[in-house]
C-alpha atoms as a PDB file:
ATOM      1  CA  MET A   1     -22.484 -71.119 100.925  1.00  0.00           C
ATOM      2  CA  HIS A   2     -24.185 -74.234 102.040  1.00  0.00           C
ATOM      3  CA  PHE A   3     -24.894 -72.477 105.886  1.00  0.00           C
ATOM      4  CA  GLN A   4     -25.950 -69.175 104.727  1.00  0.00           C
ATOM      5  CA  LYS A   5     -29.411 -69.546 104.129  1.00  0.00           C
ATOM      6  CA  SER A   6     -29.726 -71.297 108.287  1.00  0.00           C
ATOM      7  CA  LEU A   7     -27.529 -68.326 109.812  1.00  0.00           C
ATOM      8  CA  PRO A   8     -29.200 -67.474 112.864  1.00  0.00           C
ATOM      9  CA  ARG A   9     -30.149 -63.862 112.488  1.00  0.00           C
ATOM     10  CA  LEU A  10     -28.634 -60.800 114.266  1.00  0.00           C
ATOM     11  CA  PRO A  11     -31.264 -59.897 117.121  1.00  0.00           C
ATOM     12  CA  ILE A  12     -31.937 -56.246 117.504  1.00  0.00           C
ATOM     13  CA  PRO A  13     -31.315 -55.387 120.749  1.00  0.00           C
ATOM     14  CA  ASP A  14     -34.057 -54.621 123.017  1.00  0.00           C
ATOM     15  CA  LEU A  15     -34.106 -50.517 124.148  1.00  0.00           C
ATOM     16  CA  SER A  16     -34.344 -50.499 127.429  1.00  0.00           C
ATOM     17  CA  LYS A  17     -31.177 -52.090 127.884  1.00  0.00           C
ATOM     18  CA  SER A  18     -29.755 -49.746 124.327  1.00  0.00           C
ATOM     19  CA  GLY A  19     -30.782 -47.099 127.125  1.00  0.00           C
ATOM     20  CA  GLU A  20     -28.118 -49.453 129.743  1.00  0.00           C
ATOM     21  CA  ARG A  21     -25.423 -49.795 127.561  1.00  0.00           C
ATOM     22  CA  TYR A  22     -25.708 -45.957 126.522  1.00  0.00           C
ATOM     23  CA  LEU A  23     -25.261 -44.231 130.234  1.00  0.00           C
ATOM     24  CA  ASN A  24     -23.255 -47.320 131.328  1.00  0.00           C
ATOM     25  CA  ALA A  25     -20.503 -45.553 128.582  1.00  0.00           C
ATOM     26  CA  LEU A  26     -21.573 -41.906 129.604  1.00  0.00           C
ATOM     27  CA  ARG A  27     -21.345 -42.854 133.619  1.00  0.00           C
ATOM     28  CA  PRO A  28     -17.269 -42.345 133.443  1.00  0.00           C
ATOM     29  CA  LEU A  29     -17.338 -39.125 131.125  1.00  0.00           C
ATOM     30  CA  LEU A  30     -19.824 -37.118 133.641  1.00  0.00           C
ATOM     31  CA  THR A  31     -20.495 -35.174 136.127  1.00  0.00           C
ATOM     32  CA  ASN A  32     -22.850 -36.600 138.765  1.00  0.00           C
ATOM     33  CA  ASP A  33     -25.189 -33.348 137.779  1.00  0.00           C
ATOM     34  CA  ALA A  34     -24.623 -33.886 133.839  1.00  0.00           C
ATOM     35  CA  PHE A  35     -25.385 -38.070 134.375  1.00  0.00           C
ATOM     36  CA  GLU A  36     -28.135 -37.182 136.167  1.00  0.00           C
ATOM     37  CA  VAL A  37     -29.638 -34.899 133.291  1.00  0.00           C
ATOM     38  CA  ALA A  38     -28.346 -37.612 130.936  1.00  0.00           C
ATOM     39  CA  GLN A  39     -30.544 -40.242 132.915  1.00  0.00           C
ATOM     40  CA  ALA A  40     -33.492 -38.447 132.128  1.00  0.00           C
ATOM     41  CA  ARG A  41     -33.155 -37.587 128.642  1.00  0.00           C
ATOM     42  CA  THR A  42     -32.298 -40.964 127.927  1.00  0.00           C
ATOM     43  CA  GLN A  43     -35.517 -42.288 129.106  1.00  0.00           C
ATOM     44  CA  ASN A  44     -37.599 -39.203 127.809  1.00  0.00           C
ATOM     45  CA  PHE A  45     -36.165 -40.868 124.649  1.00  0.00           C
ATOM     46  CA  ILE A  46     -37.342 -44.384 125.425  1.00  0.00           C
ATOM     47  CA  ASP A  47     -40.994 -43.949 126.986  1.00  0.00           C
ATOM     48  CA  LYS A  48     -41.552 -41.610 123.584  1.00  0.00           C
ATOM     49  CA  GLU A  49     -39.807 -41.056 119.994  1.00  0.00           C
ATOM     50  CA  GLY A  50     -37.939 -44.220 120.443  1.00  0.00           C
ATOM     51  CA  LYS A  51     -40.702 -46.573 120.383  1.00  0.00           C
ATOM     52  CA  ILE A  52     -42.035 -45.556 117.805  1.00  0.00           C
ATOM     53  CA  LEU A  53     -38.352 -45.808 116.016  1.00  0.00           C
ATOM     54  CA  GLN A  54     -38.080 -49.462 117.594  1.00  0.00           C
ATOM     55  CA  GLU A  55     -41.534 -50.716 116.637  1.00  0.00           C
ATOM     56  CA  LYS A  56     -40.435 -49.296 112.977  1.00  0.00           C
ATOM     57  CA  LEU A  57     -37.441 -50.588 113.327  1.00  0.00           C
ATOM     58  CA  LEU A  58     -38.665 -54.253 114.248  1.00  0.00           C
ATOM     59  CA  ASN A  59     -41.348 -54.118 111.617  1.00  0.00           C
ATOM     60  CA  LYS A  60     -38.629 -53.692 108.703  1.00  0.00           C
ATOM     61  CA  ASP A  61     -36.810 -56.518 110.362  1.00  0.00           C
ATOM     62  CA  LYS A  62     -39.380 -58.414 109.634  1.00  0.00           C
ATOM     63  CA  VAL A  63     -39.823 -58.205 106.292  1.00  0.00           C
ATOM     64  CA  ASN A  64     -36.335 -58.165 105.216  1.00  0.00           C
ATOM     65  CA  LYS A  65     -35.439 -61.987 106.937  1.00  0.00           C
ATOM     66  CA  HIS A  66     -32.716 -62.515 104.052  1.00  0.00           C
ATOM     67  CA  THR A  67     -30.645 -59.360 105.703  1.00  0.00           C
ATOM     68  CA  SER A  68     -28.915 -58.170 108.835  1.00  0.00           C
ATOM     69  CA  TYR A  69     -31.162 -55.042 110.608  1.00  0.00           C
ATOM     70  CA  ILE A  70     -28.004 -53.282 110.981  1.00  0.00           C
ATOM     71  CA  SER A  71     -27.068 -54.005 107.144  1.00  0.00           C
ATOM     72  CA  ASP A  72     -28.555 -51.350 104.963  1.00  0.00           C
ATOM     73  CA  TYR A  73     -27.873 -48.093 107.826  1.00  0.00           C
ATOM     74  CA  TRP A  74     -23.799 -49.582 108.425  1.00  0.00           C
ATOM     75  CA  PHE A  75     -23.786 -49.342 104.266  1.00  0.00           C
ATOM     76  CA  ASP A  76     -25.297 -45.945 103.820  1.00  0.00           C
ATOM     77  CA  LEU A  77     -22.781 -43.995 106.578  1.00  0.00           C
ATOM     78  CA  TYR A  78     -20.289 -46.237 104.385  1.00  0.00           C
ATOM     79  CA  LEU A  79     -21.017 -45.146 101.433  1.00  0.00           C
ATOM     80  CA  ARG A  80     -21.901 -41.085 103.000  1.00  0.00           C
ATOM     81  CA  ASP A  81     -18.603 -40.670 104.426  1.00  0.00           C
ATOM     82  CA  ARG A  82     -16.257 -37.576 102.866  1.00  0.00           C
ATOM     83  CA  LEU A  83     -13.217 -39.297 104.146  1.00  0.00           C
ATOM     84  CA  PRO A  84     -10.882 -40.142 101.865  1.00  0.00           C
ATOM     85  CA  LEU A  85     -10.979 -43.955 101.545  1.00  0.00           C
ATOM     86  CA  PRO A  86      -6.796 -44.846 101.117  1.00  0.00           C
ATOM     87  CA  ILE A  87      -6.451 -45.342 105.187  1.00  0.00           C
ATOM     88  CA  ASN A  88     -10.095 -45.265 106.727  1.00  0.00           C
ATOM     89  CA  TYR A  89     -11.107 -47.640 104.294  1.00  0.00           C
ATOM     90  CA  ASN A  90      -9.271 -49.546 101.849  1.00  0.00           C
ATOM     91  CA  PRO A  91      -7.233 -52.598 103.431  1.00  0.00           C
ATOM     92  CA  LEU A  92      -3.717 -52.491 103.275  1.00  0.00           C
ATOM     93  CA  LEU A  93      -2.127 -56.526 102.455  1.00  0.00           C
ATOM     94  CA  VAL A  94       1.295 -56.961 103.475  1.00  0.00           C
ATOM     95  CA  PHE A  95       3.361 -60.534 102.537  1.00  0.00           C
ATOM     96  CA  GLN A  96       6.086 -62.732 103.811  1.00  0.00           C
ATOM     97  CA  ASN A  97       8.734 -63.708 101.682  1.00  0.00           C
ATOM     98  CA  ASP A  98       8.402 -66.760 100.617  1.00  0.00           C
ATOM     99  CA  SER A  99      10.545 -69.264 101.761  1.00  0.00           C
ATOM    100  CA  LYS A 100      11.623 -70.377  98.005  1.00  0.00           C
ATOM    101  CA  GLN A 101      13.397 -67.207  96.793  1.00  0.00           C
ATOM    102  CA  GLU A 102      12.411 -67.922  93.180  1.00  0.00           C
ATOM    103  CA  TYR A 103       9.299 -67.654  94.101  1.00  0.00           C
ATOM    104  CA  ASN A 104      10.002 -63.878  95.603  1.00  0.00           C
ATOM    105  CA  ASN A 105      10.869 -62.847  92.058  1.00  0.00           C
ATOM    106  CA  GLN A 106       8.080 -59.428  92.077  1.00  0.00           C
ATOM    107  CA  LEU A 107       6.855 -60.984  87.838  1.00  0.00           C
ATOM    108  CA  VAL A 108       6.513 -64.971  89.063  1.00  0.00           C
ATOM    109  CA  ARG A 109       4.556 -63.466  92.367  1.00  0.00           C
ATOM    110  CA  SER A 110       2.084 -61.327  90.759  1.00  0.00           C
ATOM    111  CA  THR A 111       1.431 -64.001  88.162  1.00  0.00           C
ATOM    112  CA  ASN A 112       0.802 -66.776  91.013  1.00  0.00           C
ATOM    113  CA  LEU A 113      -1.381 -64.679  93.215  1.00  0.00           C
ATOM    114  CA  LEU A 114      -3.081 -63.348  90.000  1.00  0.00           C
ATOM    115  CA  ILE A 115      -3.842 -67.151  89.369  1.00  0.00           C
ATOM    116  CA  SER A 116      -4.730 -67.560  93.048  1.00  0.00           C
ATOM    117  CA  ALA A 117      -7.095 -64.488  92.558  1.00  0.00           C
ATOM    118  CA  SER A 118      -8.459 -65.919  89.699  1.00  0.00           C
ATOM    119  CA  ARG A 119      -9.128 -69.806  90.648  1.00  0.00           C
ATOM    120  CA  PHE A 120     -11.202 -68.436  94.164  1.00  0.00           C
ATOM    121  CA  MET A 121     -13.514 -65.444  91.618  1.00  0.00           C
ATOM    122  CA  LEU A 122     -14.339 -68.754  89.985  1.00  0.00           C
ATOM    123  CA  SER A 123     -15.180 -71.391  92.688  1.00  0.00           C
ATOM    124  CA  LEU A 124     -17.060 -68.426  93.947  1.00  0.00           C
ATOM    125  CA  LYS A 125     -18.661 -67.508  90.842  1.00  0.00           C
ATOM    126  CA  GLU A 126     -19.496 -71.642  90.590  1.00  0.00           C
ATOM    127  CA  GLN A 127     -21.183 -71.800  94.105  1.00  0.00           C
ATOM    128  CA  VAL A 128     -18.505 -74.331  94.562  1.00  0.00           C
ATOM    129  CA  LEU A 129     -16.262 -72.245  97.383  1.00  0.00           C
ATOM    130  CA  GLU A 130     -15.708 -73.829 101.200  1.00  0.00           C
ATOM    131  CA  PRO A 131     -17.236 -71.840 103.507  1.00  0.00           C
ATOM    132  CA  GLU A 132     -15.923 -70.128 106.031  1.00  0.00           C
ATOM    133  CA  VAL A 133     -16.513 -71.830 109.457  1.00  0.00           C
ATOM    134  CA  TYR A 134     -15.002 -71.085 113.074  1.00  0.00           C
ATOM    135  CA  HIS A 135     -14.179 -73.551 114.859  1.00  0.00           C
ATOM    136  CA  LEU A 136     -14.140 -73.853 118.281  1.00  0.00           C
ATOM    137  CA  ASN A 137     -12.160 -77.181 118.858  1.00  0.00           C
ATOM    138  CA  PRO A 138     -10.299 -77.812 115.022  1.00  0.00           C
ATOM    139  CA  LYS A 139      -9.341 -81.347 116.075  1.00  0.00           C
ATOM    140  CA  LYS A 140     -13.115 -82.277 116.524  1.00  0.00           C
ATOM    141  CA  SER A 141     -14.544 -80.445 113.815  1.00  0.00           C
ATOM    142  CA  ASN A 142     -12.537 -79.794 111.255  1.00  0.00           C
ATOM    143  CA  THR A 143     -12.738 -82.926 109.911  1.00  0.00           C
ATOM    144  CA  GLN A 144     -14.130 -85.137 106.580  1.00  0.00           C
ATOM    145  CA  LEU A 145     -17.288 -86.657 109.233  1.00  0.00           C
ATOM    146  CA  PHE A 146     -18.291 -82.392 109.982  1.00  0.00           C
ATOM    147  CA  ARG A 147     -18.217 -81.983 105.787  1.00  0.00           C
ATOM    148  CA  THR A 148     -20.091 -84.852 105.260  1.00  0.00           C
ATOM    149  CA  VAL A 149     -22.429 -84.681 107.870  1.00  0.00           C
ATOM    150  CA  THR A 150     -23.250 -81.525 107.754  1.00  0.00           C
ATOM    151  CA  GLY A 151     -23.168 -81.238 103.902  1.00  0.00           C
ATOM    152  CA  LEU A 152     -25.849 -83.798 103.497  1.00  0.00           C
ATOM    153  CA  LEU A 153     -28.600 -81.717 105.507  1.00  0.00           C
ATOM    154  CA  PRO A 154     -30.364 -79.277 103.951  1.00  0.00           C
ATOM    155  CA  GLU A 155     -29.016 -75.578 103.543  1.00  0.00           C
ATOM    156  CA  ALA A 156     -31.908 -74.629 105.957  1.00  0.00           C
ATOM    157  CA  LEU A 157     -31.012 -76.756 108.931  1.00  0.00           C
ATOM    158  CA  SER A 158     -26.690 -76.903 108.623  1.00  0.00           C
ATOM    159  CA  TRP A 159     -25.760 -74.433 110.856  1.00  0.00           C
ATOM    160  CA  TYR A 160     -27.822 -75.696 113.689  1.00  0.00           C
ATOM    161  CA  GLY A 161     -26.018 -79.683 112.234  1.00  0.00           C
ATOM    162  CA  ALA A 162     -22.748 -77.407 112.415  1.00  0.00           C
ATOM    163  CA  TYR A 163     -23.413 -76.044 115.883  1.00  0.00           C
ATOM    164  CA  LEU A 164     -23.501 -79.877 117.329  1.00  0.00           C
ATOM    165  CA  PHE A 165     -19.699 -80.128 116.377  1.00  0.00           C
ATOM    166  CA  LYS A 166     -19.133 -76.551 118.497  1.00  0.00           C
ATOM    167  CA  ALA A 167     -18.314 -75.369 114.911  1.00  0.00           C
ATOM    168  CA  PHE A 168     -19.555 -71.546 113.682  1.00  0.00           C
ATOM    169  CA  PRO A 169     -20.405 -71.123 110.014  1.00  0.00           C
ATOM    170  CA  LEU A 170     -19.280 -67.525 109.591  1.00  0.00           C
ATOM    171  CA  ASP A 171     -21.354 -65.044 106.834  1.00  0.00           C
ATOM    172  CA  MET A 172     -20.480 -65.091 103.508  1.00  0.00           C
ATOM    173  CA  SER A 173     -23.187 -62.757 102.213  1.00  0.00           C
ATOM    174  CA  GLN A 174     -20.463 -59.934 101.208  1.00  0.00           C
ATOM    175  CA  PHE A 175     -18.291 -61.685  99.579  1.00  0.00           C
ATOM    176  CA  VAL A 176     -20.268 -60.905  96.098  1.00  0.00           C
ATOM    177  CA  GLY A 177     -18.473 -57.900  96.323  1.00  0.00           C
ATOM    178  CA  LEU A 178     -14.385 -59.253  96.156  1.00  0.00           C
ATOM    179  CA  PHE A 179     -14.852 -58.952  92.415  1.00  0.00           C
ATOM    180  CA  GLY A 180     -16.565 -57.554  89.802  1.00  0.00           C
ATOM    181  CA  ALA A 181     -17.317 -54.503  91.720  1.00  0.00           C
ATOM    182  CA  THR A 182     -16.603 -51.000  92.698  1.00  0.00           C
ATOM    183  CA  ARG A 183     -17.150 -47.837  94.733  1.00  0.00           C
ATOM    184  CA  ILE A 184     -18.320 -45.288  92.411  1.00  0.00           C
ATOM    185  CA  PRO A 185     -17.679 -41.411  93.469  1.00  0.00           C
ATOM    186  CA  LEU A 186     -20.734 -39.621  93.632  1.00  0.00           C
ATOM    187  CA  LEU A 187     -22.005 -36.068  95.436  1.00  0.00           C
ATOM    188  CA  THR A 188     -23.241 -36.915  98.801  1.00  0.00           C
ATOM    189  CA  LYS A 189     -23.504 -40.980  98.556  1.00  0.00           C
ATOM    190  CA  ASP A 190     -21.291 -42.229  96.655  1.00  0.00           C
ATOM    191  CA  LYS A 191     -22.725 -45.955  94.736  1.00  0.00           C
ATOM    192  CA  ILE A 192     -21.647 -49.621  94.760  1.00  0.00           C
ATOM    193  CA  TYR A 193     -21.832 -51.134  91.112  1.00  0.00           C
ATOM    194  CA  ARG A 194     -20.959 -54.486  90.370  1.00  0.00           C
ATOM    195  CA  ASP A 195     -20.805 -56.690  86.916  1.00  0.00           C
ATOM    196  CA  MET A 196     -20.822 -60.188  87.462  1.00  0.00           C
ATOM    197  CA  ASN A 197     -20.496 -61.121  84.316  1.00  0.00           C
ATOM    198  CA  SER A 198     -16.436 -59.052  83.776  1.00  0.00           C
ATOM    199  CA  LYS A 199     -13.520 -61.311  82.483  1.00  0.00           C
ATOM    200  CA  HIS A 200     -10.744 -58.626  83.108  1.00  0.00           C
ATOM    201  CA  ILE A 201      -8.579 -57.142  85.625  1.00  0.00           C
ATOM    202  CA  LEU A 202      -7.135 -53.799  86.151  1.00  0.00           C
ATOM    203  CA  VAL A 203      -2.940 -53.228  87.466  1.00  0.00           C
ATOM    204  CA  GLN A 204      -1.614 -50.076  88.053  1.00  0.00           C
ATOM    205  CA  ARG A 205       1.570 -49.047  87.751  1.00  0.00           C
ATOM    206  CA  ARG A 206       3.450 -45.282  87.496  1.00  0.00           C
ATOM    207  CA  GLY A 207      -0.097 -44.478  87.525  1.00  0.00           C
ATOM    208  CA  HIS A 208      -0.861 -45.848  84.370  1.00  0.00           C
ATOM    209  CA  PHE A 209      -3.886 -48.355  84.144  1.00  0.00           C
ATOM    210  CA  TYR A 210      -3.503 -51.408  82.071  1.00  0.00           C
ATOM    211  CA  VAL A 211      -6.333 -54.082  81.812  1.00  0.00           C
ATOM    212  CA  PHE A 212      -6.320 -57.323  79.810  1.00  0.00           C
ATOM    213  CA  ASN A 213      -8.674 -60.925  79.705  1.00  0.00           C
ATOM    214  CA  VAL A 214      -7.863 -63.063  82.731  1.00  0.00           C
ATOM    215  CA  LEU A 215     -11.013 -65.380  81.134  1.00  0.00           C
ATOM    216  CA  ASP A 216     -11.391 -66.757  77.528  1.00  0.00           C
ATOM    217  CA  SER A 217     -14.600 -66.260  75.825  1.00  0.00           C
ATOM    218  CA  ASP A 218     -15.846 -69.292  77.382  1.00  0.00           C
ATOM    219  CA  GLY A 219     -15.768 -68.447  80.873  1.00  0.00           C
ATOM    220  CA  ASN A 220     -12.194 -70.481  81.765  1.00  0.00           C
ATOM    221  CA  LEU A 221      -8.650 -69.119  82.663  1.00  0.00           C
ATOM    222  CA  ILE A 222      -6.274 -67.800  80.643  1.00  0.00           C
ATOM    223  CA  SER A 223      -2.889 -70.067  80.413  1.00  0.00           C
ATOM    224  CA  PRO A 224      -0.349 -69.027  83.831  1.00  0.00           C
ATOM    225  CA  GLN A 225       2.219 -68.495  80.716  1.00  0.00           C
ATOM    226  CA  GLU A 226      -0.092 -66.315  79.215  1.00  0.00           C
ATOM    227  CA  MET A 227      -0.679 -64.423  82.884  1.00  0.00           C
ATOM    228  CA  MET A 228       2.721 -63.987  83.192  1.00  0.00           C
ATOM    229  CA  ALA A 229       3.297 -62.885  79.835  1.00  0.00           C
ATOM    230  CA  ASN A 230       1.104 -60.132  80.150  1.00  0.00           C
ATOM    231  CA  LEU A 231       2.433 -58.699  83.382  1.00  0.00           C
ATOM    232  CA  SER A 232       5.843 -59.018  81.814  1.00  0.00           C
ATOM    233  CA  MET A 233       4.683 -55.989  79.137  1.00  0.00           C
ATOM    234  CA  ILE A 234       3.322 -54.321  82.230  1.00  0.00           C
ATOM    235  CA  MET A 235       6.509 -54.255  83.594  1.00  0.00           C
ATOM    236  CA  THR A 236       8.404 -53.233  81.039  1.00  0.00           C
ATOM    237  CA  ASP A 237       6.495 -50.705  79.593  1.00  0.00           C
ATOM    238  CA  THR A 238       8.922 -47.804  79.507  1.00  0.00           C
ATOM    239  CA  ARG A 239       6.917 -44.502  79.579  1.00  0.00           C
ATOM    240  CA  ALA A 240       8.336 -42.107  81.220  1.00  0.00           C
ATOM    241  CA  ALA A 241       5.617 -42.417  85.018  1.00  0.00           C
ATOM    242  CA  ALA A 242       2.174 -39.982  84.434  1.00  0.00           C
ATOM    243  CA  GLU A 243       2.015 -36.808  85.963  1.00  0.00           C
ATOM    244  CA  PHE A 244      -1.232 -36.706  87.265  1.00  0.00           C
ATOM    245  CA  PRO A 245      -2.136 -40.049  88.212  1.00  0.00           C
ATOM    246  CA  VAL A 246      -5.783 -40.725  88.476  1.00  0.00           C
ATOM    247  CA  GLY A 247      -5.027 -43.064  91.259  1.00  0.00           C
ATOM    248  CA  THR A 248      -4.452 -39.924  93.624  1.00  0.00           C
ATOM    249  CA  ARG A 249      -8.088 -39.229  93.260  1.00  0.00           C
ATOM    250  CA  GLN A 250      -9.083 -40.993  96.085  1.00  0.00           C
ATOM    251  CA  SER A 251      -7.004 -39.421  98.970  1.00  0.00           C
ATOM    252  CA  TYR A 252      -9.215 -36.853  98.356  1.00  0.00           C
ATOM    253  CA  ARG A 253     -11.854 -35.457 100.935  1.00  0.00           C
ATOM    254  CA  SER A 254     -15.213 -35.591  99.157  1.00  0.00           C
ATOM    255  CA  ASP A 255     -17.170 -32.673  99.549  1.00  0.00           C
ATOM    256  CA  VAL A 256     -14.994 -30.038 101.243  1.00  0.00           C
ATOM    257  CA  GLY A 257     -16.825 -27.427 102.119  1.00  0.00           C
ATOM    258  CA  SER A 258     -19.450 -25.865  99.190  1.00  0.00           C
ATOM    259  CA  TYR A 259     -16.768 -26.811  96.635  1.00  0.00           C
ATOM    260  CA  ARG A 260     -17.944 -29.797  94.044  1.00  0.00           C
ATOM    261  CA  ALA A 261     -15.980 -32.245  92.154  1.00  0.00           C
ATOM    262  CA  GLU A 262     -17.360 -33.478  88.851  1.00  0.00           C
ATOM    263  CA  CYS A 263     -15.234 -35.629  85.899  1.00  0.00           C
ATOM    264  CA  CYS A 264     -16.046 -34.695  82.149  1.00  0.00           C
ATOM    265  CA  PHE A 265     -14.321 -35.581  79.471  1.00  0.00           C
ATOM    266  CA  THR A 266     -14.014 -33.879  75.791  1.00  0.00           C
ATOM    267  CA  ARG A 267     -15.399 -35.478  72.836  1.00  0.00           C
ATOM    268  CA  GLN A 268     -12.532 -35.733  71.316  1.00  0.00           C
ATOM    269  CA  CYS A 269     -10.468 -37.807  74.225  1.00  0.00           C
ATOM    270  CA  ILE A 270     -11.972 -40.809  72.949  1.00  0.00           C
ATOM    271  CA  CYS A 271     -11.129 -42.187  69.558  1.00  0.00           C
ATOM    272  CA  PRO A 272     -14.213 -42.163  66.658  1.00  0.00           C
ATOM    273  CA  HIS A 273     -15.081 -45.768  67.366  1.00  0.00           C
ATOM    274  CA  GLY A 274     -15.224 -45.458  71.368  1.00  0.00           C
ATOM    275  CA  ALA A 275     -18.614 -44.923  71.394  1.00  0.00           C
ATOM    276  CA  GLY A 276     -19.059 -48.106  73.512  1.00  0.00           C
ATOM    277  CA  PHE A 277     -16.819 -46.408  75.969  1.00  0.00           C
ATOM    278  CA  ARG A 278     -18.390 -43.120  75.966  1.00  0.00           C
ATOM    279  CA  GLN A 279     -21.290 -44.196  77.434  1.00  0.00           C
ATOM    280  CA  ALA A 280     -19.591 -46.757  80.182  1.00  0.00           C
ATOM    281  CA  LEU A 281     -18.234 -43.295  81.527  1.00  0.00           C
ATOM    282  CA  LYS A 282     -21.398 -41.659  81.306  1.00  0.00           C
ATOM    283  CA  ASP A 283     -22.890 -44.718  83.078  1.00  0.00           C
ATOM    284  CA  THR A 284     -20.560 -44.020  85.847  1.00  0.00           C
ATOM    285  CA  GLY A 285     -21.593 -40.565  86.230  1.00  0.00           C
ATOM    286  CA  PHE A 286     -18.787 -39.021  84.165  1.00  0.00           C
ATOM    287  CA  SER A 287     -20.517 -35.977  82.111  1.00  0.00           C
ATOM    288  CA  GLU A 288     -19.263 -35.432  78.459  1.00  0.00           C
ATOM    289  CA  ILE A 289     -18.121 -31.772  77.268  1.00  0.00           C
ATOM    290  CA  ASP A 290     -19.584 -31.582  73.495  1.00  0.00           C
ATOM    291  CA  HIS A 291     -16.410 -30.429  72.013  1.00  0.00           C
ATOM    292  CA  PRO A 292     -15.509 -31.867  68.208  1.00  0.00           C
ATOM    293  CA  PRO A 293     -12.013 -34.474  67.953  1.00  0.00           C
ATOM    294  CA  TYR A 294      -9.644 -32.234  68.356  1.00  0.00           C
ATOM    295  CA  SER A 295     -10.624 -28.904  69.349  1.00  0.00           C
ATOM    296  CA  PRO A 296      -8.093 -26.546  70.009  1.00  0.00           C
ATOM    297  CA  ASP A 297      -9.117 -25.162  72.683  1.00  0.00           C
ATOM    298  CA  LEU A 298      -8.905 -27.875  75.675  1.00  0.00           C
ATOM    299  CA  ALA A 299      -7.399 -31.035  73.547  1.00  0.00           C
ATOM    300  CA  PRO A 300      -5.292 -32.158  76.755  1.00  0.00           C
ATOM    301  CA  SER A 301      -2.122 -31.188  73.906  1.00  0.00           C
ATOM    302  CA  ASP A 302      -3.270 -27.363  74.207  1.00  0.00           C
ATOM    303  CA  TYR A 303      -4.114 -24.967  76.754  1.00  0.00           C
ATOM    304  CA  PHE A 304      -4.809 -21.991  74.820  1.00  0.00           C
ATOM    305  CA  LEU A 305      -7.833 -20.280  75.915  1.00  0.00           C
ATOM    306  CA  PHE A 306      -8.039 -21.937  79.536  1.00  0.00           C
ATOM    307  CA  GLN A 307      -4.267 -22.001  80.969  1.00  0.00           C
ATOM    308  CA  PHE A 308      -6.232 -21.894  84.528  1.00  0.00           C
ATOM    309  CA  LYS A 309      -7.394 -25.165  83.981  1.00  0.00           C
ATOM    310  CA  ARG A 310      -3.835 -26.930  83.395  1.00  0.00           C
ATOM    311  CA  SER A 311      -4.014 -28.347  86.803  1.00  0.00           C
ATOM    312  CA  TYR A 312      -6.789 -29.997  86.216  1.00  0.00           C
ATOM    313  CA  VAL A 313      -6.600 -31.552  83.595  1.00  0.00           C
ATOM    314  CA  VAL A 314      -5.289 -34.930  84.203  1.00  0.00           C
ATOM    315  CA  VAL A 315      -4.078 -37.377  81.934  1.00  0.00           C
ATOM    316  CA  ASP A 316      -7.298 -38.170  79.350  1.00  0.00           C
ATOM    317  CA  LEU A 317      -9.942 -36.477  82.235  1.00  0.00           C
ATOM    318  CA  LEU A 318     -11.239 -32.861  83.141  1.00  0.00           C
ATOM    319  CA  MET A 319     -11.474 -32.197  86.213  1.00  0.00           C
ATOM    320  CA  THR A 320     -13.374 -29.296  86.643  1.00  0.00           C
ATOM    321  CA  ILE A 321     -13.932 -27.950  89.842  1.00  0.00           C
ATOM    322  CA  LYS A 322     -17.493 -25.775  90.357  1.00  0.00           C
END
């Protein structure tokens, strides 16, 4: 993060220039008459509402110099979008086969990937991760001399030192969301939750979720042998695939029509000593149905009174549609 404080900020475009670009985009799509109407409306907006909005945007930018003027609006758009996350937002990573065949074994490769990701996470937390830099001419700038010179410069000036080498440090402000972060689904607008003290990973297999710590109580990585042993136990688990895998919930479109999906859990689904877990579920948006342990009407194993709810029971989560 050495260059972060000196990164140039994204400038706010001149309003008239934005109007020109907008009209240039419309020109091939409209008839002459329609384009004249668009020109008049665009100019009217620039002279009236646009001028007021531009001034507000400039003032907001001045008091938020730690970020880009577009950042809040982009996250708002991202979190309000009701499209399913898979394909539309969630990335898909495809790995090439390793040149060493023994490393292509699923357990070995998963362990190596987990070890590398955990080391990357610790480097990020310790602020020792090497900055992301685009080198216009790597042979001249991607050198030890470049790292030494820019490393000696104060953080407030370091980017300009890199520029002299024709190297351009990139924004790394979003790296904080790579680990210990999740998107919590809510009505209208979701929210991003981050826990910088998390020490565990979550593994999904056959619709089941498994959790184990990759950091010990002192914040150090557990041994590679222990990581492999944990993953091996998960991969050799013989239980049947989950009939209602919770992971498929993310493939739904949110807020379809006037329907609202609400996640609930019954108290009988939580073990008596699970008060902390129960509170954690509440904190992340789940609501609790106040029933005594093992109540016969809403227990996941019984559907005596609520046969119509069978379709919405997903593992230990009761999905009710309102």
